Amino acid sequence: MLTLAQIEQYHEDGYLIIEDCFPLEDMERLLQVARADQALADNAADRLDAAGRASRLSLRFDLPDSAYSAYARHLAIVEPMEQLVGEEVFHYHHKMMLKEPRVGGAWEWHQDFGYWYANFLRADMASCMIAVDRASKGNGCLQVLKGSHKMGRLEHGLTGDQTGADLERVTVALEHFEVVYCEMAPGTALFFHSNLLHRSDPNESEDSRWALICCYSAASNPTFRADAEAGHYEKLERWSAGEVRAAVKRHRAELASA
């Protein structure tokens, strides 16, 4: 559970980094599963940046019996998320970001609620990024514009294949808010508000950057549609670290027997 100081810091800055949220050994097991998972690779889609470089992500709105869904239910994510959002949350979606050496493209400046708002009434939403392997400036770690969530939602349009924030306002925002490079060791968790401006550089290093991002909404946040992409309230199970490790072990055994 988070302290009052941590919650206040999140509301002031729009993000909160928790180091050593998960043991290194757990991240190594999760990465082994993800790299061996052909279904994850088959579900991945490319998103081109402004320069035409591809970033890959594999996204699920449902919660099947998988290692990734297990982390979306992890107590170490769900309970702090509810403290930050201020009420019970439901799972919106989760995605594995696959930024490979030398080929992983950039993500342009954007707010998640910049396009999520089409499905949700309020910005009472947030994400938790788990560094599955190391994130550094060299391999294109996430950058955030500290405090930019206080601007509210900006207009968004297409930048390459991606949804990017209005560049004119971003240019002005860069003069007023600090850019923070979120370098993270494996097992670090980054909680960030849905209106926080963030981006990443292309990966020009020899090191991969894989991250699992779990996204949530306040349970009381109305949705406009009934389909999966609009999100819907469903009571979210909360799993202990032991239950999550067991799910990862099951997933690994299934891949080995396939």
C-alpha atoms as a PDB file:
ATOM      1  CA  MET A   1       0.000   0.000   0.000  1.00  0.00           C
ATOM      2  CA  LEU A   2       1.188   3.519  -0.774  1.00  0.00           C
ATOM      3  CA  THR A   3       1.948   6.194   1.769  1.00  0.00           C
ATOM      4  CA  LEU A   4       0.122   9.518   1.869  1.00  0.00           C
ATOM      5  CA  ALA A   5       3.306  11.211   0.599  1.00  0.00           C
ATOM      6  CA  GLN A   6       3.438   8.894  -2.410  1.00  0.00           C
ATOM      7  CA  ILE A   7      -0.217   9.538  -3.243  1.00  0.00           C
ATOM      8  CA  GLU A   8       0.319  13.303  -2.981  1.00  0.00           C
ATOM      9  CA  GLN A   9       3.408  13.033  -5.203  1.00  0.00           C
ATOM     10  CA  TYR A  10       1.386  11.170  -7.840  1.00  0.00           C
ATOM     11  CA  HIS A  11      -1.321  13.825  -7.888  1.00  0.00           C
ATOM     12  CA  GLU A  12       1.294  16.582  -8.129  1.00  0.00           C
ATOM     13  CA  ASP A  13       3.528  15.001 -10.770  1.00  0.00           C
ATOM     14  CA  GLY A  14       1.059  12.772 -12.627  1.00  0.00           C
ATOM     15  CA  TYR A  15       3.204   9.679 -12.119  1.00  0.00           C
ATOM     16  CA  LEU A  16       4.861   7.594  -9.406  1.00  0.00           C
ATOM     17  CA  ILE A  17       7.804   5.194  -9.714  1.00  0.00           C
ATOM     18  CA  ILE A  18       8.026   2.252  -7.300  1.00  0.00           C
ATOM     19  CA  GLU A  19      11.414   0.552  -7.437  1.00  0.00           C
ATOM     20  CA  ASP A  20      11.771  -3.165  -6.615  1.00  0.00           C
ATOM     21  CA  CYS A  21       8.019  -3.671  -6.884  1.00  0.00           C
ATOM     22  CA  PHE A  22       8.656  -7.179  -8.230  1.00  0.00           C
ATOM     23  CA  PRO A  23      11.678  -9.474  -7.718  1.00  0.00           C
ATOM     24  CA  LEU A  24      14.179  -9.765 -10.561  1.00  0.00           C
ATOM     25  CA  GLU A  25      13.584 -13.527 -10.700  1.00  0.00           C
ATOM     26  CA  ASP A  26       9.895 -12.974 -11.379  1.00  0.00           C
ATOM     27  CA  MET A  27      10.699 -10.630 -14.256  1.00  0.00           C
ATOM     28  CA  GLU A  28      13.143 -13.130 -15.730  1.00  0.00           C
ATOM     29  CA  ARG A  29      10.432 -15.820 -15.683  1.00  0.00           C
ATOM     30  CA  LEU A  30       7.878 -13.460 -17.227  1.00  0.00           C
ATOM     31  CA  LEU A  31      10.313 -12.482 -19.976  1.00  0.00           C
ATOM     32  CA  GLN A  32      11.070 -16.151 -20.708  1.00  0.00           C
ATOM     33  CA  VAL A  33       7.354 -16.834 -21.116  1.00  0.00           C
ATOM     34  CA  ALA A  34       6.791 -13.763 -23.299  1.00  0.00           C
ATOM     35  CA  ARG A  35       9.707 -14.529 -25.622  1.00  0.00           C
ATOM     36  CA  ALA A  36       8.577 -18.141 -26.071  1.00  0.00           C
ATOM     37  CA  ASP A  37       4.900 -17.230 -26.571  1.00  0.00           C
ATOM     38  CA  GLN A  38       4.024 -17.454 -30.261  1.00  0.00           C
ATOM     39  CA  ALA A  39       0.439 -16.368 -29.531  1.00  0.00           C
ATOM     40  CA  LEU A  40       1.768 -13.131 -28.042  1.00  0.00           C
ATOM     41  CA  ALA A  41       3.864 -12.515 -31.151  1.00  0.00           C
ATOM     42  CA  ASP A  42       0.986 -13.371 -33.490  1.00  0.00           C
ATOM     43  CA  ASN A  43      -1.282 -10.909 -31.669  1.00  0.00           C
ATOM     44  CA  ALA A  44       1.286  -8.096 -31.842  1.00  0.00           C
ATOM     45  CA  ALA A  45       0.667  -5.146 -34.137  1.00  0.00           C
ATOM     46  CA  ASP A  46       3.072  -2.541 -35.503  1.00  0.00           C
ATOM     47  CA  ARG A  47       2.537   1.170 -34.886  1.00  0.00           C
ATOM     48  CA  LEU A  48       4.637   3.430 -37.129  1.00  0.00           C
ATOM     49  CA  ASP A  49       6.140   6.617 -35.714  1.00  0.00           C
ATOM     50  CA  ALA A  50       6.503   9.870 -37.683  1.00  0.00           C
ATOM     51  CA  ALA A  51       9.725   8.569 -39.283  1.00  0.00           C
ATOM     52  CA  GLY A  52       8.130   5.291 -40.352  1.00  0.00           C
ATOM     53  CA  ARG A  53       9.839   3.118 -37.710  1.00  0.00           C
ATOM     54  CA  ALA A  54       7.727   0.365 -36.172  1.00  0.00           C
ATOM     55  CA  SER A  55       6.946  -0.160 -32.499  1.00  0.00           C
ATOM     56  CA  ARG A  56       5.167  -3.400 -31.643  1.00  0.00           C
ATOM     57  CA  LEU A  57       2.563  -4.092 -29.002  1.00  0.00           C
ATOM     58  CA  SER A  58       0.367  -7.043 -28.126  1.00  0.00           C
ATOM     59  CA  LEU A  59      -2.898  -5.942 -26.484  1.00  0.00           C
ATOM     60  CA  ARG A  60      -5.742  -7.826 -24.777  1.00  0.00           C
ATOM     61  CA  PHE A  61      -9.017  -6.462 -23.427  1.00  0.00           C
ATOM     62  CA  ASP A  62      -9.936  -9.769 -21.780  1.00  0.00           C
ATOM     63  CA  LEU A  63      -8.245 -11.627 -18.943  1.00  0.00           C
ATOM     64  CA  PRO A  64      -7.500 -15.184 -20.072  1.00  0.00           C
ATOM     65  CA  ASP A  65      -5.452 -17.592 -17.964  1.00  0.00           C
ATOM     66  CA  SER A  66      -2.053 -16.179 -18.860  1.00  0.00           C
ATOM     67  CA  ALA A  67       1.031 -14.766 -17.172  1.00  0.00           C
ATOM     68  CA  TYR A  68       0.153 -11.258 -18.381  1.00  0.00           C
ATOM     69  CA  SER A  69      -3.430 -11.362 -17.112  1.00  0.00           C
ATOM     70  CA  ALA A  70      -2.132 -12.592 -13.771  1.00  0.00           C
ATOM     71  CA  TYR A  71      -0.060  -9.438 -13.370  1.00  0.00           C
ATOM     72  CA  ALA A  72      -3.090  -7.303 -14.262  1.00  0.00           C
ATOM     73  CA  ARG A  73      -4.734  -8.835 -11.161  1.00  0.00           C
ATOM     74  CA  HIS A  74      -1.643  -8.539  -8.930  1.00  0.00           C
ATOM     75  CA  LEU A  75      -2.315  -7.010  -5.522  1.00  0.00           C
ATOM     76  CA  ALA A  76       0.887  -4.976  -5.845  1.00  0.00           C
ATOM     77  CA  ILE A  77      -0.702  -3.171  -8.808  1.00  0.00           C
ATOM     78  CA  VAL A  78      -4.437  -3.188  -8.125  1.00  0.00           C
ATOM     79  CA  GLU A  79      -4.389  -1.928  -4.533  1.00  0.00           C
ATOM     80  CA  PRO A  80      -2.025   1.033  -5.182  1.00  0.00           C
ATOM     81  CA  MET A  81      -3.996   1.809  -8.345  1.00  0.00           C
ATOM     82  CA  GLU A  82      -7.190   2.102  -6.296  1.00  0.00           C
ATOM     83  CA  GLN A  83      -5.452   4.433  -3.865  1.00  0.00           C
ATOM     84  CA  LEU A  84      -4.336   6.669  -6.753  1.00  0.00           C
ATOM     85  CA  VAL A  85      -7.640   6.634  -8.651  1.00  0.00           C
ATOM     86  CA  GLY A  86      -9.535   7.049  -5.402  1.00  0.00           C
ATOM     87  CA  GLU A  87     -11.978   4.169  -5.715  1.00  0.00           C
ATOM     88  CA  GLU A  88     -12.417   0.604  -6.915  1.00  0.00           C
ATOM     89  CA  VAL A  89     -11.011   0.031 -10.409  1.00  0.00           C
ATOM     90  CA  PHE A  90     -11.722  -2.376 -13.231  1.00  0.00           C
ATOM     91  CA  HIS A  91      -9.290  -3.726 -15.804  1.00  0.00           C
ATOM     92  CA  TYR A  92      -9.523  -1.906 -19.150  1.00  0.00           C
ATOM     93  CA  HIS A  93      -6.761  -3.684 -21.060  1.00  0.00           C
ATOM     94  CA  HIS A  94      -3.149  -4.809 -20.779  1.00  0.00           C
ATOM     95  CA  LYS A  95      -0.413  -4.860 -23.404  1.00  0.00           C
ATOM     96  CA  MET A  96       3.136  -6.080 -23.799  1.00  0.00           C
ATOM     97  CA  MET A  97       5.377  -3.519 -25.462  1.00  0.00           C
ATOM     98  CA  LEU A  98       8.014  -5.198 -27.637  1.00  0.00           C
ATOM     99  CA  LYS A  99      10.754  -2.674 -28.369  1.00  0.00           C
ATOM    100  CA  GLU A 100      13.494  -4.665 -30.042  1.00  0.00           C
ATOM    101  CA  PRO A 101      17.181  -3.716 -30.487  1.00  0.00           C
ATOM    102  CA  ARG A 102      17.955  -1.329 -33.370  1.00  0.00           C
ATOM    103  CA  VAL A 103      14.463  -1.598 -34.885  1.00  0.00           C
ATOM    104  CA  GLY A 104      12.026  -0.475 -32.169  1.00  0.00           C
ATOM    105  CA  GLY A 105      10.469   2.835 -33.200  1.00  0.00           C
ATOM    106  CA  ALA A 106       9.528   5.898 -31.167  1.00  0.00           C
ATOM    107  CA  TRP A 107       6.213   6.691 -29.516  1.00  0.00           C
ATOM    108  CA  GLU A 108       5.108  10.252 -30.134  1.00  0.00           C
ATOM    109  CA  TRP A 109       3.933  12.629 -27.387  1.00  0.00           C
ATOM    110  CA  HIS A 110       0.410  11.644 -26.368  1.00  0.00           C
ATOM    111  CA  GLN A 111      -2.010  11.249 -23.494  1.00  0.00           C
ATOM    112  CA  ASP A 112      -3.789   7.939 -23.098  1.00  0.00           C
ATOM    113  CA  PHE A 113      -7.067   9.738 -22.411  1.00  0.00           C
ATOM    114  CA  GLY A 114      -6.455  11.656 -25.622  1.00  0.00           C
ATOM    115  CA  TYR A 115      -8.118   8.729 -27.391  1.00  0.00           C
ATOM    116  CA  TRP A 116      -9.621   6.723 -24.513  1.00  0.00           C
ATOM    117  CA  TYR A 117     -12.098   9.587 -24.001  1.00  0.00           C
ATOM    118  CA  ALA A 118     -14.036   8.296 -27.031  1.00  0.00           C
ATOM    119  CA  ASN A 119     -15.144   5.409 -24.810  1.00  0.00           C
ATOM    120  CA  PHE A 120     -15.102   6.887 -21.302  1.00  0.00           C
ATOM    121  CA  LEU A 121     -16.795   9.904 -19.747  1.00  0.00           C
ATOM    122  CA  ARG A 122     -14.053  10.892 -17.287  1.00  0.00           C
ATOM    123  CA  ALA A 123     -10.276  10.770 -17.126  1.00  0.00           C
ATOM    124  CA  ASP A 124     -10.406   8.759 -13.870  1.00  0.00           C
ATOM    125  CA  MET A 125      -8.059   6.249 -15.442  1.00  0.00           C
ATOM    126  CA  ALA A 126      -4.417   5.286 -15.022  1.00  0.00           C
ATOM    127  CA  SER A 127      -1.818   2.765 -16.121  1.00  0.00           C
ATOM    128  CA  CYS A 128       0.955   0.786 -14.497  1.00  0.00           C
ATOM    129  CA  MET A 129       4.040   0.039 -16.597  1.00  0.00           C
ATOM    130  CA  ILE A 130       6.155  -2.866 -15.364  1.00  0.00           C
ATOM    131  CA  ALA A 131       9.741  -2.933 -16.596  1.00  0.00           C
ATOM    132  CA  VAL A 132      10.158  -6.588 -17.617  1.00  0.00           C
ATOM    133  CA  ASP A 133      13.717  -5.923 -18.737  1.00  0.00           C
ATOM    134  CA  ARG A 134      15.835  -2.831 -18.182  1.00  0.00           C
ATOM    135  CA  ALA A 135      14.617   0.510 -19.525  1.00  0.00           C
ATOM    136  CA  SER A 136      17.252   3.175 -20.176  1.00  0.00           C
ATOM    137  CA  LYS A 137      17.760   6.256 -22.314  1.00  0.00           C
ATOM    138  CA  GLY A 138      19.759   4.085 -24.701  1.00  0.00           C
ATOM    139  CA  ASN A 139      16.946   1.630 -25.459  1.00  0.00           C
ATOM    140  CA  GLY A 140      14.152   4.195 -25.587  1.00  0.00           C
ATOM    141  CA  CYS A 141      12.709   4.352 -22.074  1.00  0.00           C
ATOM    142  CA  LEU A 142       9.462   6.176 -21.400  1.00  0.00           C
ATOM    143  CA  GLN A 143       9.658   9.953 -21.067  1.00  0.00           C
ATOM    144  CA  VAL A 144       7.009  11.878 -19.158  1.00  0.00           C
ATOM    145  CA  LEU A 145       6.217  15.579 -18.977  1.00  0.00           C
ATOM    146  CA  LYS A 146       6.088  16.058 -15.219  1.00  0.00           C
ATOM    147  CA  GLY A 147       2.849  17.692 -14.073  1.00  0.00           C
ATOM    148  CA  SER A 148       1.373  17.876 -17.584  1.00  0.00           C
ATOM    149  CA  HIS A 149      -1.750  15.948 -16.516  1.00  0.00           C
ATOM    150  CA  LYS A 150      -2.946  19.228 -14.991  1.00  0.00           C
ATOM    151  CA  MET A 151      -3.448  20.616 -18.508  1.00  0.00           C
ATOM    152  CA  GLY A 152      -6.428  18.341 -19.047  1.00  0.00           C
ATOM    153  CA  ARG A 153      -7.031  16.457 -22.252  1.00  0.00           C
ATOM    154  CA  LEU A 154      -5.436  17.830 -25.432  1.00  0.00           C
ATOM    155  CA  GLU A 155      -6.687  17.352 -28.973  1.00  0.00           C
ATOM    156  CA  HIS A 156      -5.138  14.327 -30.689  1.00  0.00           C
ATOM    157  CA  GLY A 157      -4.658  13.259 -34.297  1.00  0.00           C
ATOM    158  CA  LEU A 158      -2.628  10.778 -36.319  1.00  0.00           C
ATOM    159  CA  THR A 159       1.164  10.978 -36.233  1.00  0.00           C
ATOM    160  CA  GLY A 160       2.409   8.155 -38.428  1.00  0.00           C
ATOM    161  CA  ASP A 161       0.209   5.215 -37.388  1.00  0.00           C
ATOM    162  CA  GLN A 162       0.017   6.545 -33.848  1.00  0.00           C
ATOM    163  CA  THR A 163      -2.374   8.868 -32.053  1.00  0.00           C
ATOM    164  CA  GLY A 164      -0.355  11.935 -31.083  1.00  0.00           C
ATOM    165  CA  ALA A 165      -1.159  15.098 -29.131  1.00  0.00           C
ATOM    166  CA  ASP A 166      -1.540  18.510 -30.778  1.00  0.00           C
ATOM    167  CA  LEU A 167       2.060  19.473 -31.586  1.00  0.00           C
ATOM    168  CA  GLU A 168       1.510  23.205 -31.102  1.00  0.00           C
ATOM    169  CA  ARG A 169       0.359  22.720 -27.529  1.00  0.00           C
ATOM    170  CA  VAL A 170       3.044  20.105 -26.873  1.00  0.00           C
ATOM    171  CA  THR A 171       5.702  22.591 -28.027  1.00  0.00           C
ATOM    172  CA  VAL A 172       4.430  25.158 -25.517  1.00  0.00           C
ATOM    173  CA  ALA A 173       4.084  22.533 -22.781  1.00  0.00           C
ATOM    174  CA  LEU A 174       7.741  21.577 -23.237  1.00  0.00           C
ATOM    175  CA  GLU A 175       8.649  25.130 -22.218  1.00  0.00           C
ATOM    176  CA  HIS A 176       6.754  24.847 -18.938  1.00  0.00           C
ATOM    177  CA  PHE A 177       7.065  21.234 -17.775  1.00  0.00           C
ATOM    178  CA  GLU A 178      10.126  19.104 -17.062  1.00  0.00           C
ATOM    179  CA  VAL A 179      10.893  16.108 -19.268  1.00  0.00           C
ATOM    180  CA  VAL A 180      11.734  13.101 -17.070  1.00  0.00           C
ATOM    181  CA  TYR A 181      13.388   9.971 -18.477  1.00  0.00           C
ATOM    182  CA  CYS A 182      11.936   6.998 -16.578  1.00  0.00           C
ATOM    183  CA  GLU A 183      14.946   4.702 -16.453  1.00  0.00           C
ATOM    184  CA  MET A 184      13.852   1.537 -14.670  1.00  0.00           C
ATOM    185  CA  ALA A 185      15.477  -1.680 -13.548  1.00  0.00           C
ATOM    186  CA  PRO A 186      13.506  -4.898 -14.141  1.00  0.00           C
ATOM    187  CA  GLY A 187      10.710  -5.148 -11.576  1.00  0.00           C
ATOM    188  CA  THR A 188      10.170  -1.392 -11.289  1.00  0.00           C
ATOM    189  CA  ALA A 189       6.560  -0.180 -11.581  1.00  0.00           C
ATOM    190  CA  LEU A 190       5.550   3.188 -13.035  1.00  0.00           C
ATOM    191  CA  PHE A 191       2.013   4.390 -12.276  1.00  0.00           C
ATOM    192  CA  PHE A 192       0.844   7.281 -14.475  1.00  0.00           C
ATOM    193  CA  HIS A 193      -2.311   9.348 -14.976  1.00  0.00           C
ATOM    194  CA  SER A 194      -4.283   9.031 -18.200  1.00  0.00           C
ATOM    195  CA  ASN A 195      -3.756  12.744 -19.000  1.00  0.00           C
ATOM    196  CA  LEU A 196       0.018  12.668 -18.483  1.00  0.00           C
ATOM    197  CA  LEU A 197       1.914  13.484 -21.687  1.00  0.00           C
ATOM    198  CA  HIS A 198       4.475  10.781 -22.441  1.00  0.00           C
ATOM    199  CA  ARG A 199       6.580   9.465 -25.306  1.00  0.00           C
ATOM    200  CA  SER A 200       9.693   7.387 -26.013  1.00  0.00           C
ATOM    201  CA  ASP A 201      12.666   7.491 -28.372  1.00  0.00           C
ATOM    202  CA  PRO A 202      13.474   4.700 -30.837  1.00  0.00           C
ATOM    203  CA  ASN A 203      15.624   1.863 -29.563  1.00  0.00           C
ATOM    204  CA  GLU A 204      19.031   2.366 -31.188  1.00  0.00           C
ATOM    205  CA  SER A 205      20.866   0.149 -28.706  1.00  0.00           C
ATOM    206  CA  GLU A 206      21.678  -3.558 -28.683  1.00  0.00           C
ATOM    207  CA  ASP A 207      19.288  -4.141 -25.766  1.00  0.00           C
ATOM    208  CA  SER A 208      15.591  -4.912 -25.956  1.00  0.00           C
ATOM    209  CA  ARG A 209      13.004  -3.042 -23.897  1.00  0.00           C
ATOM    210  CA  TRP A 210       9.965  -5.153 -23.070  1.00  0.00           C
ATOM    211  CA  ALA A 211       7.354  -3.765 -20.711  1.00  0.00           C
ATOM    212  CA  LEU A 212       3.920  -4.880 -19.552  1.00  0.00           C
ATOM    213  CA  ILE A 213       1.389  -2.057 -19.201  1.00  0.00           C
ATOM    214  CA  CYS A 214      -1.840  -2.686 -17.270  1.00  0.00           C
ATOM    215  CA  CYS A 215      -4.577  -0.064 -17.723  1.00  0.00           C
ATOM    216  CA  TYR A 216      -7.508   0.599 -15.403  1.00  0.00           C
ATOM    217  CA  SER A 217     -10.552   2.824 -15.005  1.00  0.00           C
ATOM    218  CA  ALA A 218     -12.539   3.881 -11.973  1.00  0.00           C
ATOM    219  CA  ALA A 219     -15.416   1.437 -11.591  1.00  0.00           C
ATOM    220  CA  SER A 220     -17.878   4.346 -11.590  1.00  0.00           C
ATOM    221  CA  ASN A 221     -16.554   5.813 -14.867  1.00  0.00           C
ATOM    222  CA  PRO A 222     -19.389   5.512 -17.436  1.00  0.00           C
ATOM    223  CA  THR A 223     -18.640   3.934 -20.806  1.00  0.00           C
ATOM    224  CA  PHE A 224     -20.398   4.768 -24.078  1.00  0.00           C
ATOM    225  CA  ARG A 225     -20.512   1.373 -25.748  1.00  0.00           C
ATOM    226  CA  ALA A 226     -20.995  -2.220 -24.719  1.00  0.00           C
ATOM    227  CA  ASP A 227     -18.161  -3.768 -26.725  1.00  0.00           C
ATOM    228  CA  ALA A 228     -14.829  -4.865 -25.267  1.00  0.00           C
ATOM    229  CA  GLU A 229     -12.860  -1.873 -26.481  1.00  0.00           C
ATOM    230  CA  ALA A 230     -15.168   0.495 -24.612  1.00  0.00           C
ATOM    231  CA  GLY A 231     -14.474  -1.296 -21.361  1.00  0.00           C
ATOM    232  CA  HIS A 232     -17.088  -2.524 -18.938  1.00  0.00           C
ATOM    233  CA  TYR A 233     -17.301  -2.942 -15.211  1.00  0.00           C
ATOM    234  CA  GLU A 234     -16.385  -6.393 -13.969  1.00  0.00           C
ATOM    235  CA  LYS A 235     -15.294  -7.174 -10.435  1.00  0.00           C
ATOM    236  CA  LEU A 236     -11.513  -7.507 -10.588  1.00  0.00           C
ATOM    237  CA  GLU A 237      -9.951 -10.417  -8.749  1.00  0.00           C
ATOM    238  CA  ARG A 238      -6.913  -9.565  -6.645  1.00  0.00           C
ATOM    239  CA  TRP A 239      -4.153 -12.163  -6.737  1.00  0.00           C
ATOM    240  CA  SER A 240      -1.299 -12.616  -4.315  1.00  0.00           C
ATOM    241  CA  ALA A 241       2.328 -12.834  -5.463  1.00  0.00           C
ATOM    242  CA  GLY A 242       2.143 -16.611  -5.021  1.00  0.00           C
ATOM    243  CA  GLU A 243      -0.955 -16.900  -7.206  1.00  0.00           C
ATOM    244  CA  VAL A 244       0.699 -14.804  -9.913  1.00  0.00           C
ATOM    245  CA  ARG A 245       3.858 -16.935  -9.828  1.00  0.00           C
ATOM    246  CA  ALA A 246       1.706 -20.066 -10.148  1.00  0.00           C
ATOM    247  CA  ALA A 247      -0.009 -18.594 -13.216  1.00  0.00           C
ATOM    248  CA  VAL A 248       3.354 -17.796 -14.812  1.00  0.00           C
ATOM    249  CA  LYS A 249       4.489 -21.366 -14.085  1.00  0.00           C
ATOM    250  CA  ARG A 250       1.328 -22.775 -15.706  1.00  0.00           C
ATOM    251  CA  HIS A 251       1.809 -20.604 -18.760  1.00  0.00           C
ATOM    252  CA  ARG A 252       5.440 -21.682 -19.091  1.00  0.00           C
ATOM    253  CA  ALA A 253       4.465 -25.383 -18.793  1.00  0.00           C
ATOM    254  CA  GLU A 254       1.783 -24.957 -21.479  1.00  0.00           C
ATOM    255  CA  LEU A 255       4.321 -23.412 -23.853  1.00  0.00           C
ATOM    256  CA  ALA A 256       6.824 -26.174 -23.178  1.00  0.00           C
ATOM    257  CA  SER A 257       4.254 -28.897 -23.939  1.00  0.00           C
ATOM    258  CA  ALA A 258       2.917 -27.262 -27.095  1.00  0.00           C
END
